């Protein structure tokens, strides 16, 4: 099959599919029924015209029959009067009229046969139309019931276009919900690992460590001042003081690291809350 032939076949198939969807069987049945009724009316009109023509011939026949009686009377009167010539003419006219009557009778008989045939066909056609009307109504009822059943089935099984749209909407909503849930879990994980603090802060690790040491020194100084005010300051040996200061620095660094971790967790929680609200 050539390309043009295949294209022509596809086009015809598409057109037939469109016409099949557009065609309503109930309308087709009603149209066929009306066409048959129109044909029946044409047959009845033909019978009426034929009957009219036959009646005209019958009227002509009656007139000729009256003329025959008239000529017959004229011939009798002429014989009484001894006018054979007039009697002959009257009888000749009578004969002509009788021949015309005979022709008319043949035509009338032919028209009558035609009329009888047409009436018989009309009755047959009328019976068929009545049968078709009964079948038509039955088919329309079946089609409408099947159509209603199909609509209900499509609504129940989700085959209809509307249910397809609803299904797609549900699928899209589920997909977006899963994406949002996954994003929220990822944000929580990043907050827990401190990745957000590192990404959002403009300080590097060295800056943070120096700041921690400075903060720890300020706290130690404030603590010494507090002890001095309370008369609790001791005079340990230099070596012990050095060791104590080292231990205190270790303790301070540990406390500081714990405090910083707590602050970071609190900051991450606040940021996550602001992002979720936005």
C-alpha atoms as a PDB file:
ATOM      1  CA  UNK A   1       0.000   0.000   0.000  1.00  0.00           C
ATOM      2  CA  UNK A   2       1.443   3.353  -1.066  1.00  0.00           C
ATOM      3  CA  UNK A   3       1.798   6.401   1.149  1.00  0.00           C
ATOM      4  CA  UNK A   4      -1.132   8.202  -0.483  1.00  0.00           C
ATOM      5  CA  UNK A   5      -3.326   5.130  -0.178  1.00  0.00           C
ATOM      6  CA  UNK A   6      -2.460   4.758   3.487  1.00  0.00           C
ATOM      7  CA  UNK A   7      -3.146   8.455   4.134  1.00  0.00           C
ATOM      8  CA  UNK A   8      -6.479   8.187   2.339  1.00  0.00           C
ATOM      9  CA  UNK A   9      -7.381   5.109   4.388  1.00  0.00           C
ATOM     10  CA  UNK A  10      -6.467   6.844   7.662  1.00  0.00           C
ATOM     11  CA  UNK A  11      -8.465   9.950   6.741  1.00  0.00           C
ATOM     12  CA  UNK A  12     -11.540   7.894   5.840  1.00  0.00           C
ATOM     13  CA  UNK A  13     -11.209   5.964   9.095  1.00  0.00           C
ATOM     14  CA  UNK A  14     -11.038   9.193  11.109  1.00  0.00           C
ATOM     15  CA  UNK A  15     -14.056  10.653   9.299  1.00  0.00           C
ATOM     16  CA  UNK A  16     -16.078   7.461   9.846  1.00  0.00           C
ATOM     17  CA  UNK A  17     -15.177   7.496  13.532  1.00  0.00           C
ATOM     18  CA  UNK A  18     -16.330  11.119  13.878  1.00  0.00           C
ATOM     19  CA  UNK A  19     -19.575  10.402  12.015  1.00  0.00           C
ATOM     20  CA  UNK A  20     -20.260   7.333  14.158  1.00  0.00           C
ATOM     21  CA  UNK A  21     -19.840   9.385  17.326  1.00  0.00           C
ATOM     22  CA  UNK A  22     -22.036  12.169  15.957  1.00  0.00           C
ATOM     23  CA  UNK A  23     -24.781   9.862  14.693  1.00  0.00           C
ATOM     24  CA  UNK A  24     -27.731   9.343  16.991  1.00  0.00           C
ATOM     25  CA  UNK A  25     -29.528   6.040  16.242  1.00  0.00           C
ATOM     26  CA  UNK A  26     -32.809   7.372  17.606  1.00  0.00           C
ATOM     27  CA  UNK A  27     -32.723  10.306  15.206  1.00  0.00           C
ATOM     28  CA  UNK A  28     -31.887   7.961  12.324  1.00  0.00           C
ATOM     29  CA  UNK A  29     -34.859   5.753  13.149  1.00  0.00           C
ATOM     30  CA  UNK A  30     -37.201   8.724  13.377  1.00  0.00           C
ATOM     31  CA  UNK A  31     -35.924  10.036  10.043  1.00  0.00           C
ATOM     32  CA  UNK A  32     -36.482   6.651   8.349  1.00  0.00           C
ATOM     33  CA  UNK A  33     -39.994   6.488   9.784  1.00  0.00           C
ATOM     34  CA  UNK A  34     -40.808   9.948   8.435  1.00  0.00           C
ATOM     35  CA  UNK A  35     -39.426   8.970   5.023  1.00  0.00           C
ATOM     36  CA  UNK A  36     -41.711   5.932   4.916  1.00  0.00           C
ATOM     37  CA  UNK A  37     -44.680   8.053   5.908  1.00  0.00           C
ATOM     38  CA  UNK A  38     -43.867  10.471   3.103  1.00  0.00           C
ATOM     39  CA  UNK A  39     -43.778   7.570   0.648  1.00  0.00           C
ATOM     40  CA  UNK A  40     -47.159   6.403   1.923  1.00  0.00           C
ATOM     41  CA  UNK A  41     -48.572   9.872   1.372  1.00  0.00           C
ATOM     42  CA  UNK A  42     -47.233   9.832  -2.201  1.00  0.00           C
ATOM     43  CA  UNK A  43     -48.953   6.489  -2.827  1.00  0.00           C
ATOM     44  CA  UNK A  44     -52.236   7.797  -1.438  1.00  0.00           C
ATOM     45  CA  UNK A  45     -51.948  10.889  -3.607  1.00  0.00           C
ATOM     46  CA  UNK A  46     -51.345   8.682  -6.652  1.00  0.00           C
ATOM     47  CA  UNK A  47     -54.414   6.607  -5.848  1.00  0.00           C
ATOM     48  CA  UNK A  48     -56.489   9.760  -5.444  1.00  0.00           C
ATOM     49  CA  UNK A  49     -55.300  11.119  -8.812  1.00  0.00           C
ATOM     50  CA  UNK A  50     -55.998   7.786 -10.496  1.00  0.00           C
ATOM     51  CA  UNK A  51     -59.457   7.602  -8.989  1.00  0.00           C
ATOM     52  CA  UNK A  52     -60.180  11.139 -10.173  1.00  0.00           C
ATOM     53  CA  UNK A  53     -59.193  10.213 -13.724  1.00  0.00           C
ATOM     54  CA  UNK A  54     -61.385   7.118 -13.598  1.00  0.00           C
ATOM     55  CA  UNK A  55     -64.321   9.192 -12.403  1.00  0.00           C
ATOM     56  CA  UNK A  56     -63.881  11.560 -15.328  1.00  0.00           C
ATOM     57  CA  UNK A  57     -64.008   8.646 -17.773  1.00  0.00           C
ATOM     58  CA  UNK A  58     -67.092   7.286 -16.069  1.00  0.00           C
ATOM     59  CA  UNK A  59     -68.789  10.678 -16.435  1.00  0.00           C
ATOM     60  CA  UNK A  60     -67.904  10.721 -20.126  1.00  0.00           C
ATOM     61  CA  UNK A  61     -69.305   7.203 -20.451  1.00  0.00           C
ATOM     62  CA  UNK A  62     -72.623   8.237 -18.878  1.00  0.00           C
ATOM     63  CA  UNK A  63     -72.868  11.195 -21.232  1.00  0.00           C
ATOM     64  CA  UNK A  64     -72.230   8.916 -24.218  1.00  0.00           C
ATOM     65  CA  UNK A  65     -74.826   6.472 -22.973  1.00  0.00           C
ATOM     66  CA  UNK A  66     -77.330   9.320 -22.784  1.00  0.00           C
ATOM     67  CA  UNK A  67     -76.412  10.262 -26.355  1.00  0.00           C
ATOM     68  CA  UNK A  68     -76.968   6.677 -27.466  1.00  0.00           C
ATOM     69  CA  UNK A  69     -80.473   6.754 -26.044  1.00  0.00           C
ATOM     70  CA  UNK A  70     -81.046  10.097 -27.672  1.00  0.00           C
ATOM     71  CA  UNK A  71     -79.910   8.882 -31.099  1.00  0.00           C
ATOM     72  CA  UNK A  72     -81.958   5.753 -30.718  1.00  0.00           C
ATOM     73  CA  UNK A  73     -85.058   7.873 -30.093  1.00  0.00           C
ATOM     74  CA  UNK A  74     -84.237  10.082 -33.059  1.00  0.00           C
ATOM     75  CA  UNK A  75     -83.991   7.036 -35.315  1.00  0.00           C
ATOM     76  CA  UNK A  76     -87.396   5.778 -34.139  1.00  0.00           C
ATOM     77  CA  UNK A  77     -88.969   9.174 -34.714  1.00  0.00           C
ATOM     78  CA  UNK A  78     -87.457   9.411 -38.203  1.00  0.00           C
ATOM     79  CA  UNK A  79     -88.829   5.968 -39.115  1.00  0.00           C
ATOM     80  CA  UNK A  80     -92.289   7.050 -38.001  1.00  0.00           C
ATOM     81  CA  UNK A  81     -91.974  10.109 -40.154  1.00  0.00           C
ATOM     82  CA  UNK A  82     -90.815   8.036 -43.100  1.00  0.00           C
ATOM     83  CA  UNK A  83     -87.404   9.628 -43.095  1.00  0.00           C
ATOM     84  CA  UNK A  84     -85.075   6.721 -43.447  1.00  0.00           C
ATOM     85  CA  UNK A  85     -82.183   9.020 -44.312  1.00  0.00           C
ATOM     86  CA  UNK A  86     -82.489  10.771 -40.965  1.00  0.00           C
ATOM     87  CA  UNK A  87     -82.968   7.470 -39.194  1.00  0.00           C
ATOM     88  CA  UNK A  88     -79.741   6.164 -40.770  1.00  0.00           C
ATOM     89  CA  UNK A  89     -77.767   9.219 -39.612  1.00  0.00           C
ATOM     90  CA  UNK A  90     -79.120   8.855 -36.107  1.00  0.00           C
ATOM     91  CA  UNK A  91     -78.142   5.192 -36.037  1.00  0.00           C
ATOM     92  CA  UNK A  92     -74.639   6.028 -37.306  1.00  0.00           C
ATOM     93  CA  UNK A  93     -74.153   8.528 -34.499  1.00  0.00           C
ATOM     94  CA  UNK A  94     -75.480   5.940 -32.069  1.00  0.00           C
ATOM     95  CA  UNK A  95     -72.892   3.457 -33.329  1.00  0.00           C
ATOM     96  CA  UNK A  96     -70.061   5.979 -32.920  1.00  0.00           C
ATOM     97  CA  UNK A  97     -71.110   6.720 -29.372  1.00  0.00           C
ATOM     98  CA  UNK A  98     -71.297   3.034 -28.546  1.00  0.00           C
ATOM     99  CA  UNK A  99     -67.768   2.515 -29.896  1.00  0.00           C
ATOM    100  CA  UNK A 100     -66.552   5.387 -27.723  1.00  0.00           C
ATOM    101  CA  UNK A 101     -68.338   3.846 -24.740  1.00  0.00           C
ATOM    102  CA  UNK A 102     -66.583   0.557 -25.392  1.00  0.00           C
ATOM    103  CA  UNK A 103     -63.181   2.287 -25.450  1.00  0.00           C
ATOM    104  CA  UNK A 104     -63.991   4.156 -22.259  1.00  0.00           C
ATOM    105  CA  UNK A 105     -65.046   0.949 -20.552  1.00  0.00           C
ATOM    106  CA  UNK A 106     -61.668  -0.582 -21.441  1.00  0.00           C
ATOM    107  CA  UNK A 107     -59.831   2.439 -20.040  1.00  0.00           C
ATOM    108  CA  UNK A 108     -61.979   2.485 -16.918  1.00  0.00           C
ATOM    109  CA  UNK A 109     -61.354  -1.217 -16.335  1.00  0.00           C
ATOM    110  CA  UNK A 110     -57.606  -0.679 -16.732  1.00  0.00           C
ATOM    111  CA  UNK A 111     -57.637   2.240 -14.305  1.00  0.00           C
ATOM    112  CA  UNK A 112     -59.652   0.168 -11.877  1.00  0.00           C
ATOM    113  CA  UNK A 113     -57.066  -2.633 -11.967  1.00  0.00           C
ATOM    114  CA  UNK A 114     -54.288  -0.115 -11.419  1.00  0.00           C
ATOM    115  CA  UNK A 115     -56.209   1.438  -8.561  1.00  0.00           C
ATOM    116  CA  UNK A 116     -56.774  -1.960  -6.941  1.00  0.00           C
ATOM    117  CA  UNK A 117     -53.055  -2.746  -7.180  1.00  0.00           C
ATOM    118  CA  UNK A 118     -52.129   0.609  -5.717  1.00  0.00           C
ATOM    119  CA  UNK A 119     -54.579   0.199  -2.869  1.00  0.00           C
ATOM    120  CA  UNK A 120     -53.133  -3.237  -2.113  1.00  0.00           C
ATOM    121  CA  UNK A 121     -49.607  -1.832  -2.152  1.00  0.00           C
ATOM    122  CA  UNK A 122     -50.738   1.058  -0.007  1.00  0.00           C
ATOM    123  CA  UNK A 123     -52.170  -1.338   2.577  1.00  0.00           C
ATOM    124  CA  UNK A 124     -48.972  -3.413   2.539  1.00  0.00           C
ATOM    125  CA  UNK A 125     -46.815  -0.320   2.935  1.00  0.00           C
ATOM    126  CA  UNK A 126     -49.009   0.964   5.726  1.00  0.00           C
ATOM    127  CA  UNK A 127     -48.711  -2.328   7.588  1.00  0.00           C
ATOM    128  CA  UNK A 128     -44.948  -2.259   7.191  1.00  0.00           C
ATOM    129  CA  UNK A 129     -44.837   1.283   8.479  1.00  0.00           C
ATOM    130  CA  UNK A 130     -46.821   0.300  11.549  1.00  0.00           C
ATOM    131  CA  UNK A 131     -44.487  -2.645  12.156  1.00  0.00           C
ATOM    132  CA  UNK A 132     -41.476  -0.382  11.703  1.00  0.00           C
ATOM    133  CA  UNK A 133     -42.940   2.153  14.121  1.00  0.00           C
ATOM    134  CA  UNK A 134     -43.327  -0.560  16.764  1.00  0.00           C
ATOM    135  CA  UNK A 135     -39.768  -1.786  16.222  1.00  0.00           C
ATOM    136  CA  UNK A 136     -38.503   1.787  16.156  1.00  0.00           C
ATOM    137  CA  UNK A 137     -39.983   2.610  19.532  1.00  0.00           C
ATOM    138  CA  UNK A 138     -38.614  -0.639  20.934  1.00  0.00           C
ATOM    139  CA  UNK A 139     -35.135   0.066  19.559  1.00  0.00           C
ATOM    140  CA  UNK A 140     -35.210   3.630  20.877  1.00  0.00           C
ATOM    141  CA  UNK A 141     -36.152   2.368  24.323  1.00  0.00           C
ATOM    142  CA  UNK A 142     -33.338  -0.209  24.225  1.00  0.00           C
ATOM    143  CA  UNK A 143     -30.818   2.369  23.028  1.00  0.00           C
ATOM    144  CA  UNK A 144     -31.790   4.907  25.674  1.00  0.00           C
ATOM    145  CA  UNK A 145     -31.612   2.210  28.364  1.00  0.00           C
ATOM    146  CA  UNK A 146     -28.189   1.087  27.112  1.00  0.00           C
ATOM    147  CA  UNK A 147     -26.996   4.693  26.993  1.00  0.00           C
ATOM    148  CA  UNK A 148     -28.162   5.325  30.550  1.00  0.00           C
ATOM    149  CA  UNK A 149     -26.542   2.087  31.710  1.00  0.00           C
ATOM    150  CA  UNK A 150     -23.306   3.060  30.001  1.00  0.00           C
ATOM    151  CA  UNK A 151     -23.291   6.455  31.700  1.00  0.00           C
ATOM    152  CA  UNK A 152     -23.894   4.858  35.092  1.00  0.00           C
ATOM    153  CA  UNK A 153     -21.163   2.281  34.468  1.00  0.00           C
ATOM    154  CA  UNK A 154     -18.700   4.964  33.439  1.00  0.00           C
ATOM    155  CA  UNK A 155     -19.543   6.979  36.540  1.00  0.00           C
ATOM    156  CA  UNK A 156     -19.150   3.943  38.795  1.00  0.00           C
ATOM    157  CA  UNK A 157     -15.927   2.624  37.261  1.00  0.00           C
ATOM    158  CA  UNK A 158     -14.287   5.973  36.617  1.00  0.00           C
ATOM    159  CA  UNK A 159     -14.093   5.468  32.865  1.00  0.00           C
ATOM    160  CA  UNK A 160     -15.714   8.797  32.045  1.00  0.00           C
ATOM    161  CA  UNK A 161     -13.706  11.897  31.299  1.00  0.00           C
ATOM    162  CA  UNK A 162     -14.798  13.570  34.502  1.00  0.00           C
ATOM    163  CA  UNK A 163     -13.592  10.675  36.653  1.00  0.00           C
ATOM    164  CA  UNK A 164     -10.314  10.633  34.744  1.00  0.00           C
ATOM    165  CA  UNK A 165      -9.821  14.306  35.598  1.00  0.00           C
ATOM    166  CA  UNK A 166     -10.614  13.594  39.238  1.00  0.00           C
ATOM    167  CA  UNK A 167      -8.149  10.678  39.291  1.00  0.00           C
ATOM    168  CA  UNK A 168      -5.445  12.833  37.768  1.00  0.00           C
ATOM    169  CA  UNK A 169      -6.116  15.569  40.333  1.00  0.00           C
ATOM    170  CA  UNK A 170      -5.842  13.051  43.166  1.00  0.00           C
ATOM    171  CA  UNK A 171      -2.595  11.660  41.753  1.00  0.00           C
ATOM    172  CA  UNK A 172      -1.136  15.166  41.408  1.00  0.00           C
ATOM    173  CA  UNK A 173      -2.177  16.044  44.952  1.00  0.00           C
ATOM    174  CA  UNK A 174      -0.606  12.836  46.310  1.00  0.00           C
ATOM    175  CA  UNK A 175       2.595  13.482  44.383  1.00  0.00           C
ATOM    176  CA  UNK A 176       2.881  17.072  45.630  1.00  0.00           C
ATOM    177  CA  UNK A 177       2.113  15.946  49.186  1.00  0.00           C
ATOM    178  CA  UNK A 178       4.843  13.303  49.031  1.00  0.00           C
ATOM    179  CA  UNK A 179       7.289  15.880  47.667  1.00  0.00           C
ATOM    180  CA  UNK A 180       6.448  18.308  50.475  1.00  0.00           C
ATOM    181  CA  UNK A 181       6.804  15.568  53.093  1.00  0.00           C
ATOM    182  CA  UNK A 182      10.154  14.521  51.648  1.00  0.00           C
ATOM    183  CA  UNK A 183      11.309  18.158  51.612  1.00  0.00           C
ATOM    184  CA  UNK A 184      10.230  18.650  55.223  1.00  0.00           C
ATOM    185  CA  UNK A 185      12.143  15.518  56.289  1.00  0.00           C
ATOM    186  CA  UNK A 186      15.203  16.724  54.391  1.00  0.00           C
ATOM    187  CA  UNK A 187      15.011  20.116  56.102  1.00  0.00           C
ATOM    188  CA  UNK A 188      14.786  18.435  59.496  1.00  0.00           C
ATOM    189  CA  UNK A 189      17.766  16.265  58.687  1.00  0.00           C
ATOM    190  CA  UNK A 190      19.830  19.259  57.576  1.00  0.00           C
ATOM    191  CA  UNK A 191      18.889  21.115  60.735  1.00  0.00           C
ATOM    192  CA  UNK A 192      19.910  18.148  62.872  1.00  0.00           C
ATOM    193  CA  UNK A 193      23.295  17.850  61.167  1.00  0.00           C
ATOM    194  CA  UNK A 194      23.966  21.593  61.374  1.00  0.00           C
ATOM    195  CA  UNK A 195      24.352  21.918  57.630  1.00  0.00           C
ATOM    196  CA  UNK A 196      22.107  24.958  57.529  1.00  0.00           C
ATOM    197  CA  UNK A 197      24.194  26.804  60.120  1.00  0.00           C
ATOM    198  CA  UNK A 198      27.337  26.208  58.116  1.00  0.00           C
ATOM    199  CA  UNK A 199      25.660  27.254  54.923  1.00  0.00           C
ATOM    200  CA  UNK A 200      23.979  30.358  56.314  1.00  0.00           C
ATOM    201  CA  UNK A 201      26.844  31.640  58.486  1.00  0.00           C
ATOM    202  CA  UNK A 202      29.560  33.845  56.960  1.00  0.00           C
ATOM    203  CA  UNK A 203      32.120  32.674  59.616  1.00  0.00           C
ATOM    204  CA  UNK A 204      34.524  29.837  59.058  1.00  0.00           C
ATOM    205  CA  UNK A 205      35.535  27.217  61.614  1.00  0.00           C
ATOM    206  CA  UNK A 206      38.511  29.232  62.892  1.00  0.00           C
ATOM    207  CA  UNK A 207      36.352  32.280  63.547  1.00  0.00           C
ATOM    208  CA  UNK A 208      33.903  30.227  65.507  1.00  0.00           C
ATOM    209  CA  UNK A 209      36.625  28.615  67.633  1.00  0.00           C
ATOM    210  CA  UNK A 210      38.211  31.988  68.423  1.00  0.00           C
ATOM    211  CA  UNK A 211      34.847  33.384  69.354  1.00  0.00           C
ATOM    212  CA  UNK A 212      34.240  30.418  71.630  1.00  0.00           C
ATOM    213  CA  UNK A 213      37.602  30.963  73.355  1.00  0.00           C
ATOM    214  CA  UNK A 214      36.940  34.671  73.781  1.00  0.00           C
ATOM    215  CA  UNK A 215      33.520  34.008  75.210  1.00  0.00           C
ATOM    216  CA  UNK A 216      34.953  31.393  77.558  1.00  0.00           C
ATOM    217  CA  UNK A 217      37.607  33.859  78.792  1.00  0.00           C
ATOM    218  CA  UNK A 218      35.029  36.506  79.466  1.00  0.00           C
ATOM    219  CA  UNK A 219      32.978  34.034  81.433  1.00  0.00           C
ATOM    220  CA  UNK A 220      36.020  32.937  83.481  1.00  0.00           C
ATOM    221  CA  UNK A 221      36.894  36.550  84.248  1.00  0.00           C
ATOM    222  CA  UNK A 222      33.362  37.281  85.350  1.00  0.00           C
ATOM    223  CA  UNK A 223      33.430  34.145  87.500  1.00  0.00           C
ATOM    224  CA  UNK A 224      36.666  35.223  89.207  1.00  0.00           C
ATOM    225  CA  UNK A 225      35.204  38.658  89.869  1.00  0.00           C
ATOM    226  CA  UNK A 226      32.139  37.046  91.398  1.00  0.00           C
ATOM    227  CA  UNK A 227      34.295  34.863  93.664  1.00  0.00           C
ATOM    228  CA  UNK A 228      36.360  37.858  94.767  1.00  0.00           C
ATOM    229  CA  UNK A 229      33.259  39.764  95.719  1.00  0.00           C
ATOM    230  CA  UNK A 230      32.080  36.800  97.744  1.00  0.00           C
ATOM    231  CA  UNK A 231      35.492  36.242  99.484  1.00  0.00           C
ATOM    232  CA  UNK A 232      35.874  32.785  98.001  1.00  0.00           C
ATOM    233  CA  UNK A 233      39.029  33.402  95.972  1.00  0.00           C
ATOM    234  CA  UNK A 234      41.937  30.969  96.812  1.00  0.00           C
ATOM    235  CA  UNK A 235      45.707  31.420  96.408  1.00  0.00           C
ATOM    236  CA  UNK A 236      46.771  28.116  94.882  1.00  0.00           C
ATOM    237  CA  UNK A 237      50.319  27.360  93.850  1.00  0.00           C
ATOM    238  CA  UNK A 238      51.450  28.453  90.456  1.00  0.00           C
ATOM    239  CA  UNK A 239      51.649  24.955  89.154  1.00  0.00           C
ATOM    240  CA  UNK A 240      48.323  24.010  90.626  1.00  0.00           C
ATOM    241  CA  UNK A 241      46.859  27.263  89.338  1.00  0.00           C
ATOM    242  CA  UNK A 242      48.218  26.528  85.895  1.00  0.00           C
ATOM    243  CA  UNK A 243      46.779  23.013  85.989  1.00  0.00           C
ATOM    244  CA  UNK A 244      43.511  24.356  87.328  1.00  0.00           C
ATOM    245  CA  UNK A 245      43.359  26.953  84.603  1.00  0.00           C
ATOM    246  CA  UNK A 246      43.989  24.221  82.034  1.00  0.00           C
ATOM    247  CA  UNK A 247      41.283  22.053  83.543  1.00  0.00           C
ATOM    248  CA  UNK A 248      38.947  25.038  83.695  1.00  0.00           C
ATOM    249  CA  UNK A 249      39.636  25.774  80.049  1.00  0.00           C
ATOM    250  CA  UNK A 250      38.790  22.181  79.185  1.00  0.00           C
ATOM    251  CA  UNK A 251      35.624  22.379  81.234  1.00  0.00           C
ATOM    252  CA  UNK A 252      34.755  25.771  79.812  1.00  0.00           C
ATOM    253  CA  UNK A 253      35.335  24.543  76.277  1.00  0.00           C
ATOM    254  CA  UNK A 254      33.118  21.506  76.879  1.00  0.00           C
ATOM    255  CA  UNK A 255      30.372  23.668  78.372  1.00  0.00           C
ATOM    256  CA  UNK A 256      30.794  26.147  75.597  1.00  0.00           C
ATOM    257  CA  UNK A 257      30.533  23.452  72.948  1.00  0.00           C
ATOM    258  CA  UNK A 258      27.354  22.140  74.558  1.00  0.00           C
ATOM    259  CA  UNK A 259      25.901  25.646  74.791  1.00  0.00           C
ATOM    260  CA  UNK A 260      26.833  26.413  71.191  1.00  0.00           C
ATOM    261  CA  UNK A 261      25.252  23.158  70.035  1.00  0.00           C
ATOM    262  CA  UNK A 262      22.077  24.060  71.933  1.00  0.00           C
ATOM    263  CA  UNK A 263      22.067  27.534  70.390  1.00  0.00           C
ATOM    264  CA  UNK A 264      22.569  26.067  66.922  1.00  0.00           C
ATOM    265  CA  UNK A 265      19.695  23.639  67.429  1.00  0.00           C
ATOM    266  CA  UNK A 266      17.444  26.486  68.596  1.00  0.00           C
ATOM    267  CA  UNK A 267      18.447  28.625  65.592  1.00  0.00           C
ATOM    268  CA  UNK A 268      17.809  25.761  63.170  1.00  0.00           C
ATOM    269  CA  UNK A 269      14.374  25.158  64.693  1.00  0.00           C
ATOM    270  CA  UNK A 270      13.453  28.841  64.334  1.00  0.00           C
ATOM    271  CA  UNK A 271      14.642  28.890  60.702  1.00  0.00           C
ATOM    272  CA  UNK A 272      12.715  25.725  59.866  1.00  0.00           C
ATOM    273  CA  UNK A 273       9.573  27.232  61.435  1.00  0.00           C
ATOM    274  CA  UNK A 274       9.961  30.422  59.379  1.00  0.00           C
ATOM    275  CA  UNK A 275      10.476  28.425  56.131  1.00  0.00           C
ATOM    276  CA  UNK A 276       7.391  26.282  56.781  1.00  0.00           C
ATOM    277  CA  UNK A 277       5.322  29.381  57.507  1.00  0.00           C
ATOM    278  CA  UNK A 278       6.506  31.014  54.278  1.00  0.00           C
END
